[in-house]
Amino acid sequence: MAAKNSPPDLMIYAASEYDSNLYYAVKFVVPDPFPFFQIKGKKIILMSDLELGRSQKQAKADEILSYSDIQVKAQKSGIAKPGVADVTAFFLKSRGVKKVQVPYNFNLGLADALRQRGIQVESKADPFFEERVYKNDQEIKMITQSLRHTEAAIHKAEDLLKKSKVVGKKIIYQGQTVTSEMLKKVINVSMMENNCIGSHTIVASGNQGTDPHNEGTGPVWANQSLIVDVFPRSGDTFYYADITRTFVKGKASAALKAQYAAVQRAQEKGIAMVAPGVNGRDVHQAIQQDMESQGYKTERRNGVAVGFFHGTGHGLGLDVHEAPRVNSSEHILKKGEVITIEPGLYYPGVGAVRIEDLLVVTDKGHKNLTVYPKKLEIA
């Protein structure tokens, strides 16, 4: 019988290459699903014969057992053709476990099958491992390394723009029209050279940028805003980075310059507030109020949202978006949390501005991990 107030026994069934909770638990990459348990505080994995040898050398677990051995034992107990539900239920019962807590995204079919076999299953929303939220020095170092590679990639894109010429409304580089695709290739190739994998990199020009997650296509227009938002995952450490800068190749309009200045001022105000014990909601509201005080109202115009209509930031680590959120919901910031501060203003016809830095909450305040300069115009 479990001791009173003892931590719940846990189960995950996933591929650690894609499931950040499982990778966090075992620090071992496998492309196919396998069962993970944390029973009485001890980590146990059942591994296929294909991965057994490698896992015994690399996985961070207290017990690494052969899945096929457990399957044979289940068969000998009277189960004719034991599948995953049979094997995991048999194993849990053999350890005296009747109830497990699973991540919120746990396979529903497997959960139902386990319940049919006498195992109670209850889900827990993220953070499944609460300690994941608070990054240690090594994790911060790995995130920073990913960020430096990302900044280097953006620098190459900016350098291409510097070497380009404005011809009418177009930007020309070595006789070719500069496009979102061209700049994304430069950015993504640079990151790949440092074993960082960029996915859904945003290079959005003009009105495309006023739709915050529009990845951008076609020509990058001269004298218009260009949102560059890059958030790769390191192939070495699996930790993400995230940074956004706004550029204009040529001359920005007076309205766009004012919009950029408003976002930069509001971001600086929000960043200055970040410290342990501060409510993230207050940071978000301060940024909102600062931009509204400068005349940038958030509203709908002809059915289109304009102004600052998204959250201020999010946690980052093994997922590009993870706990905590910095938005209208209440959250007290704590030491070790790594968060983005990324206000933006979006007005079709004028342009889009978003500036994003990556911060870690420290003992008494914060450290801004981002060093890339903030400059709007590229001559």
Protein backbone atom coordinates (compact mmCIF):
# COMPACT_ATOMS: atom_id res chain seq x y z
CA MET A 1 0.00 0.00 0.00
CA ALA A 2 1.31 3.44 -0.92
CA ALA A 3 2.38 5.60 2.01
CA LYS A 4 0.11 8.46 2.94
CA ASN A 5 1.01 11.65 1.01
CA SER A 6 3.51 9.73 -1.12
CA PRO A 7 3.97 11.10 -4.66
CA PRO A 8 1.75 9.50 -7.30
CA ASP A 9 3.11 6.74 -9.50
CA LEU A 10 3.56 8.00 -13.06
CA MET A 11 3.34 6.52 -16.54
CA ILE A 12 4.18 7.85 -20.00
CA TYR A 13 3.88 5.95 -23.27
CA ALA A 14 5.43 7.96 -26.07
CA ALA A 15 8.46 8.42 -28.32
CA SER A 16 11.05 10.50 -26.49
CA GLU A 17 12.21 12.07 -29.77
CA TYR A 18 8.88 13.93 -29.91
CA ASP A 19 7.60 13.95 -26.32
CA SER A 20 9.42 16.51 -24.21
CA ASN A 21 8.17 15.14 -20.89
CA LEU A 22 9.59 11.71 -21.65
CA TYR A 23 12.88 13.10 -22.95
CA TYR A 24 13.15 15.24 -19.81
CA ALA A 25 12.66 12.14 -17.67
CA VAL A 26 15.22 9.84 -19.34
CA LYS A 27 17.47 12.12 -21.47
CA PHE A 28 17.43 9.46 -24.18
CA VAL A 29 16.13 9.79 -27.75
CA VAL A 30 14.03 7.02 -29.28
CA PRO A 31 11.82 7.50 -32.37
CA ASP A 32 9.26 4.84 -31.35
CA PRO A 33 6.96 4.76 -28.30
CA PHE A 34 8.03 2.91 -25.16
CA PRO A 35 6.62 2.66 -21.62
CA PHE A 36 8.07 4.79 -18.84
CA PHE A 37 7.11 4.47 -15.19
CA GLN A 38 8.05 6.34 -12.06
CA ILE A 39 7.14 4.05 -9.18
CA LYS A 40 7.91 5.07 -5.61
CA GLY A 41 10.22 7.69 -7.05
CA LYS A 42 12.25 5.29 -9.21
CA LYS A 43 12.37 5.63 -13.00
CA ILE A 44 11.76 2.44 -14.98
CA ILE A 45 11.59 1.92 -18.75
CA LEU A 46 10.61 -1.10 -20.82
CA MET A 47 12.68 -1.07 -23.98
CA SER A 48 12.50 -3.03 -27.21
CA ASP A 49 15.39 -5.34 -28.03
CA LEU A 50 16.28 -2.94 -30.86
CA GLU A 51 17.06 -0.14 -28.41
CA LEU A 52 17.89 -2.12 -25.26
CA GLY A 53 21.67 -2.02 -25.54
CA ARG A 54 21.81 1.68 -26.37
CA SER A 55 19.37 2.57 -23.63
CA GLN A 56 21.38 0.70 -21.01
CA LYS A 57 24.37 2.91 -21.86
CA GLN A 58 22.61 6.24 -22.31
CA ALA A 59 19.21 6.43 -20.62
CA LYS A 60 18.88 8.09 -17.22
CA ALA A 61 16.72 5.48 -15.48
CA ASP A 62 16.94 3.36 -12.34
CA GLU A 63 15.78 0.22 -14.14
CA ILE A 64 15.96 -0.60 -17.84
CA LEU A 65 14.08 -3.78 -18.64
CA SER A 66 13.43 -5.77 -21.80
CA TYR A 67 9.92 -5.19 -23.11
CA SER A 68 9.95 -8.64 -24.75
CA ASP A 69 10.89 -10.31 -21.45
CA ILE A 70 7.87 -8.71 -19.73
CA GLN A 71 5.73 -9.67 -22.73
CA VAL A 72 6.77 -13.35 -22.35
CA LYS A 73 5.93 -13.24 -18.64
CA ALA A 74 2.52 -11.76 -19.43
CA GLN A 75 1.92 -14.52 -21.96
CA LYS A 76 2.86 -17.19 -19.42
CA SER A 77 0.35 -15.67 -17.01
CA GLY A 78 -2.41 -16.60 -19.45
CA ILE A 79 -2.65 -13.64 -21.85
CA ALA A 80 -2.69 -15.13 -25.34
CA LYS A 81 -1.29 -12.23 -27.40
CA PRO A 82 -0.21 -9.49 -25.01
CA GLY A 83 -0.22 -6.02 -26.53
CA VAL A 84 0.97 -2.75 -25.01
CA ALA A 85 -1.99 -2.43 -22.64
CA ASP A 86 -1.57 -6.04 -21.49
CA VAL A 87 2.18 -5.71 -20.96
CA THR A 88 2.01 -2.40 -19.10
CA ALA A 89 -0.94 -3.46 -16.93
CA PHE A 90 0.80 -6.77 -16.13
CA PHE A 91 3.99 -4.94 -15.19
CA LEU A 92 2.20 -2.37 -13.02
CA LYS A 93 0.32 -5.08 -11.15
CA SER A 94 3.58 -7.02 -10.65
CA ARG A 95 4.91 -3.92 -8.85
CA GLY A 96 1.77 -3.51 -6.78
CA VAL A 97 0.61 -0.41 -8.67
CA LYS A 98 -3.13 0.06 -9.13
CA LYS A 99 -3.23 3.72 -10.10
CA VAL A 100 -1.06 5.91 -12.36
CA GLN A 101 -0.96 9.55 -13.26
CA VAL A 102 -0.35 10.28 -16.93
CA PRO A 103 0.26 13.44 -19.03
CA TYR A 104 -2.74 15.31 -20.39
CA ASN A 105 -1.88 14.20 -23.94
CA PHE A 106 -1.72 10.49 -23.03
CA ASN A 107 -3.26 8.15 -25.62
CA LEU A 108 -6.98 7.86 -24.85
CA GLY A 109 -7.28 4.36 -26.30
CA LEU A 110 -4.43 3.08 -24.14
CA ALA A 111 -5.90 4.79 -21.06
CA ASP A 112 -9.25 3.07 -21.65
CA ALA A 113 -7.53 -0.28 -22.21
CA LEU A 114 -5.58 0.07 -18.96
CA ARG A 115 -8.77 0.88 -17.07
CA GLN A 116 -10.39 -2.24 -18.53
CA ARG A 117 -7.46 -4.21 -17.10
CA GLY A 118 -7.91 -2.82 -13.61
CA ILE A 119 -5.50 0.12 -13.61
CA GLN A 120 -6.85 3.51 -12.54
CA VAL A 121 -5.62 6.26 -14.86
CA GLU A 122 -5.84 9.95 -14.12
CA SER A 123 -4.43 12.77 -16.23
CA LYS A 124 -2.37 15.74 -15.16
CA ALA A 125 -2.03 18.94 -17.16
CA ASP A 126 1.40 20.33 -17.92
CA PRO A 127 3.79 20.89 -16.32
CA PHE A 128 3.72 17.12 -15.81
CA PHE A 129 7.12 17.31 -14.15
CA GLU A 130 6.81 20.56 -12.22
CA GLU A 131 10.58 20.90 -11.88
CA ARG A 132 10.81 21.26 -15.69
CA VAL A 133 9.64 24.85 -15.35
CA TYR A 134 12.71 25.87 -13.35
CA LYS A 135 15.86 25.67 -15.46
CA ASN A 136 19.19 24.88 -13.83
CA ASP A 137 22.49 26.45 -14.87
CA GLN A 138 23.20 23.71 -17.42
CA GLU A 139 19.79 24.11 -19.05
CA ILE A 140 20.22 27.88 -19.24
CA LYS A 141 23.61 27.33 -20.85
CA MET A 142 22.05 25.03 -23.47
CA ILE A 143 19.23 27.47 -24.23
CA THR A 144 21.75 30.28 -24.56
CA GLN A 145 23.83 28.21 -26.97
CA SER A 146 20.75 27.62 -29.15
CA LEU A 147 20.03 31.34 -29.01
CA ARG A 148 23.55 32.28 -30.12
CA HIS A 149 23.25 30.00 -33.15
CA THR A 150 19.88 31.61 -33.92
CA GLU A 151 21.27 35.12 -33.65
CA ALA A 152 24.13 34.17 -35.98
CA ALA A 153 21.57 32.95 -38.53
CA ILE A 154 19.57 36.18 -38.36
CA HIS A 155 22.78 38.14 -38.75
CA LYS A 156 23.41 36.35 -42.07
CA ALA A 157 19.94 37.30 -43.29
CA GLU A 158 20.48 40.91 -42.21
CA ASP A 159 23.86 40.92 -43.94
CA LEU A 160 22.21 39.79 -47.17
CA LEU A 161 19.77 42.68 -46.88
CA LYS A 162 22.64 45.12 -46.24
CA LYS A 163 24.33 43.94 -49.46
CA SER A 164 21.09 44.25 -51.43
CA LYS A 165 19.86 47.26 -53.37
CA VAL A 166 16.46 48.89 -53.39
CA VAL A 167 15.04 49.06 -56.91
CA GLY A 168 11.61 50.63 -56.84
CA LYS A 169 9.54 48.59 -54.39
CA LYS A 170 11.74 45.53 -54.71
CA ILE A 171 14.97 44.49 -53.01
CA ILE A 172 17.58 43.00 -55.33
CA TYR A 173 20.49 40.76 -54.32
CA GLN A 174 22.96 39.56 -56.95
CA GLY A 175 20.39 40.16 -59.68
CA GLN A 176 17.57 38.35 -57.88
CA THR A 177 14.50 39.66 -56.08
CA VAL A 178 14.84 39.03 -52.38
CA THR A 179 12.00 36.84 -51.11
CA SER A 180 10.87 35.41 -47.81
CA GLU A 181 11.93 32.00 -49.08
CA MET A 182 15.45 33.26 -49.88
CA LEU A 183 15.94 34.71 -46.40
CA LYS A 184 14.43 31.66 -44.70
CA LYS A 185 16.88 29.47 -46.58
CA VAL A 186 19.80 31.59 -45.41
CA ILE A 187 18.55 31.43 -41.81
CA ASN A 188 17.70 27.73 -41.80
CA VAL A 189 20.93 26.63 -43.49
CA SER A 190 22.98 28.65 -41.00
CA MET A 191 21.15 26.99 -38.12
CA MET A 192 21.59 23.54 -39.64
CA GLU A 193 25.34 24.17 -39.81
CA ASN A 194 25.17 24.42 -36.02
CA ASN A 195 22.84 21.41 -35.72
CA CYS A 196 19.79 23.52 -34.96
CA ILE A 197 16.58 22.67 -36.76
CA GLY A 198 14.33 25.56 -37.68
CA SER A 199 10.65 24.83 -38.19
CA HIS A 200 8.04 27.36 -39.39
CA THR A 201 10.60 30.19 -39.43
CA ILE A 202 8.76 33.49 -39.95
CA VAL A 203 10.03 36.02 -42.49
CA ALA A 204 6.91 38.08 -43.21
CA SER A 205 6.94 41.33 -45.17
CA GLY A 206 4.42 44.17 -45.10
CA ASN A 207 0.84 43.20 -44.42
CA GLN A 208 1.80 39.52 -44.11
CA GLY A 209 3.49 40.45 -40.84
CA THR A 210 0.26 41.88 -39.42
CA ASP A 211 -0.94 38.28 -39.12
CA PRO A 212 1.50 37.25 -36.34
CA HIS A 213 2.00 33.59 -37.35
CA ASN A 214 2.03 34.15 -41.11
CA GLU A 215 5.36 32.57 -42.13
CA GLY A 216 5.71 34.85 -45.15
CA THR A 217 5.93 34.15 -48.86
CA GLY A 218 7.06 35.96 -51.97
CA PRO A 219 8.96 39.24 -52.32
CA VAL A 220 10.27 41.19 -49.35
CA TRP A 221 9.22 44.75 -50.07
CA ALA A 222 11.47 47.78 -49.69
CA ASN A 223 10.53 50.42 -47.11
CA GLN A 224 8.08 48.06 -45.40
CA SER A 225 8.22 46.18 -42.12
CA LEU A 226 9.78 42.72 -42.08
CA ILE A 227 9.08 40.40 -39.15
CA VAL A 228 11.85 37.82 -38.59
CA ASP A 229 10.84 35.32 -35.88
CA VAL A 230 13.13 32.29 -35.47
CA PHE A 231 12.68 29.48 -32.92
CA PRO A 232 14.84 26.41 -33.62
CA ARG A 233 15.50 23.30 -31.58
CA SER A 234 19.06 22.18 -30.98
CA GLY A 235 19.84 18.73 -32.33
CA ASP A 236 22.55 18.43 -29.68
CA THR A 237 20.65 19.38 -26.52
CA PHE A 238 17.01 19.46 -27.71
CA TYR A 239 16.54 22.88 -26.09
CA TYR A 240 14.88 25.67 -28.05
CA ALA A 241 15.65 29.33 -28.60
CA ASP A 242 13.27 32.09 -29.68
CA ILE A 243 13.92 35.61 -30.94
CA THR A 244 12.06 38.15 -33.07
CA ARG A 245 13.36 41.28 -34.73
CA THR A 246 11.65 43.77 -37.04
CA PHE A 247 13.56 45.30 -39.95
CA VAL A 248 12.96 47.70 -42.81
CA LYS A 249 15.24 47.58 -45.83
CA GLY A 250 15.33 51.20 -46.93
CA LYS A 251 13.36 53.95 -45.21
CA ALA A 252 10.56 53.34 -42.75
CA SER A 253 7.54 55.65 -42.81
CA ALA A 254 7.09 58.06 -39.93
CA ALA A 255 4.09 56.01 -38.75
CA LEU A 256 6.12 52.78 -38.75
CA LYS A 257 9.02 54.42 -36.90
CA ALA A 258 6.61 55.63 -34.22
CA GLN A 259 5.06 52.16 -33.98
CA TYR A 260 8.52 50.59 -33.57
CA ALA A 261 9.46 53.09 -30.86
CA ALA A 262 6.23 52.34 -29.00
CA VAL A 263 6.84 48.58 -29.02
CA GLN A 264 10.46 48.99 -27.97
CA ARG A 265 9.53 51.31 -25.10
CA ALA A 266 6.78 48.97 -23.91
CA GLN A 267 9.07 45.95 -24.14
CA GLU A 268 11.76 47.71 -22.11
CA LYS A 269 9.17 48.57 -19.48
CA GLY A 270 7.97 44.94 -19.31
CA ILE A 271 11.51 43.54 -19.18
CA ALA A 272 12.41 45.89 -16.32
CA MET A 273 9.53 44.43 -14.27
CA VAL A 274 10.61 40.79 -14.57
CA ALA A 275 11.70 39.47 -11.16
CA PRO A 276 10.75 36.67 -8.77
CA GLY A 277 7.47 37.38 -7.00
CA VAL A 278 6.13 39.59 -9.80
CA ASN A 279 2.81 38.61 -11.33
CA GLY A 280 3.23 37.96 -15.06
CA ARG A 281 -0.26 39.36 -15.55
CA ASP A 282 0.98 42.72 -14.24
CA VAL A 283 3.85 42.67 -16.77
CA HIS A 284 1.38 41.99 -19.58
CA GLN A 285 -1.04 44.68 -18.44
CA ALA A 286 1.75 47.25 -18.04
CA ILE A 287 2.83 46.66 -21.64
CA GLN A 288 -0.76 46.88 -22.85
CA GLN A 289 -1.37 50.12 -20.97
CA ASP A 290 1.91 51.65 -22.11
CA MET A 291 1.12 51.11 -25.77
CA GLU A 292 -2.46 52.32 -25.36
CA SER A 293 -1.13 55.44 -23.62
CA GLN A 294 0.92 56.08 -26.76
CA GLY A 295 -2.25 55.95 -28.86
CA TYR A 296 -2.13 52.35 -30.05
CA LYS A 297 -5.54 50.97 -29.27
CA THR A 298 -6.27 47.25 -29.55
CA GLU A 299 -9.57 46.73 -31.36
CA ARG A 300 -11.20 45.20 -34.43
CA ARG A 301 -11.37 47.18 -37.63
CA ASN A 302 -13.52 45.76 -40.40
CA GLY A 303 -13.37 42.38 -38.68
CA VAL A 304 -9.56 42.41 -38.38
CA ALA A 305 -7.74 42.59 -35.04
CA VAL A 306 -5.28 45.48 -34.77
CA GLY A 307 -3.00 46.72 -32.00
CA PHE A 308 -1.50 44.37 -29.40
CA PHE A 309 -3.81 41.38 -29.32
CA HIS A 310 -1.67 38.46 -28.13
CA GLY A 311 0.11 37.47 -24.94
CA THR A 312 3.33 39.10 -23.85
CA GLY A 313 5.34 35.91 -23.59
CA HIS A 314 5.70 32.23 -22.82
CA GLY A 315 8.01 29.78 -21.15
CA LEU A 316 10.65 28.01 -23.23
CA GLY A 317 12.84 24.94 -22.82
CA LEU A 318 12.36 21.49 -24.34
CA ASP A 319 9.22 22.94 -25.94
CA VAL A 320 9.17 26.26 -27.72
CA HIS A 321 5.93 27.07 -25.89
CA GLU A 322 5.71 25.71 -22.36
CA ALA A 323 4.77 26.88 -18.89
CA PRO A 324 4.56 29.58 -17.72
CA ARG A 325 2.57 32.05 -19.82
CA VAL A 326 2.96 35.79 -19.49
CA ASN A 327 -0.49 37.05 -20.41
CA SER A 328 -3.79 38.03 -18.82
CA SER A 329 -3.80 34.97 -16.56
CA GLU A 330 -2.24 35.14 -13.12
CA HIS A 331 1.22 33.65 -12.63
CA ILE A 332 3.84 34.59 -10.05
CA LEU A 333 7.28 34.53 -11.65
CA LYS A 334 9.91 32.37 -9.95
CA LYS A 335 13.66 31.94 -10.14
CA GLY A 336 14.78 29.68 -12.97
CA GLU A 337 11.87 30.33 -15.31
CA VAL A 338 12.93 31.15 -18.86
CA ILE A 339 10.39 33.37 -20.61
CA THR A 340 10.00 35.50 -23.70
CA ILE A 341 8.91 39.11 -23.63
CA GLU A 342 7.54 39.82 -27.12
CA PRO A 343 5.04 42.65 -27.47
CA GLY A 344 3.87 43.64 -30.93
CA LEU A 345 1.69 46.09 -32.82
CA TYR A 346 -0.09 45.16 -36.03
CA TYR A 347 -1.79 47.63 -38.36
CA PRO A 348 -2.47 46.63 -41.98
CA GLY A 349 -1.41 49.40 -44.30
CA VAL A 350 1.19 50.68 -41.84
CA GLY A 351 3.00 47.49 -40.92
CA ALA A 352 3.87 45.09 -38.15
CA VAL A 353 6.37 45.39 -35.32
CA ARG A 354 7.31 42.64 -32.88
CA ILE A 355 10.42 42.55 -30.72
CA GLU A 356 11.20 39.43 -28.70
CA ASP A 357 13.89 38.76 -26.13
CA LEU A 358 14.54 35.68 -24.00
CA LEU A 359 14.95 36.17 -20.25
CA VAL A 360 15.73 34.01 -17.24
CA VAL A 361 14.29 34.98 -13.85
CA THR A 362 17.14 35.26 -11.33
CA ASP A 363 17.36 35.61 -7.53
CA LYS A 364 16.56 39.31 -7.48
CA GLY A 365 15.58 40.17 -11.04
CA HIS A 366 16.35 38.78 -14.46
CA LYS A 367 19.03 38.24 -17.05
CA ASN A 368 18.34 38.99 -20.70
CA LEU A 369 19.90 36.12 -22.65
CA THR A 370 19.38 37.90 -25.99
CA VAL A 371 22.21 40.07 -27.30
CA TYR A 372 21.05 40.77 -30.87
CA PRO A 373 20.74 44.54 -31.42
CA LYS A 374 17.42 46.29 -31.96
CA LYS A 375 17.59 48.51 -35.00
CA LEU A 376 14.75 49.07 -37.44
CA GLU A 377 16.26 50.36 -40.67
CA ILE A 378 18.82 48.56 -42.83
CA ALA A 379 20.48 50.96 -45.26
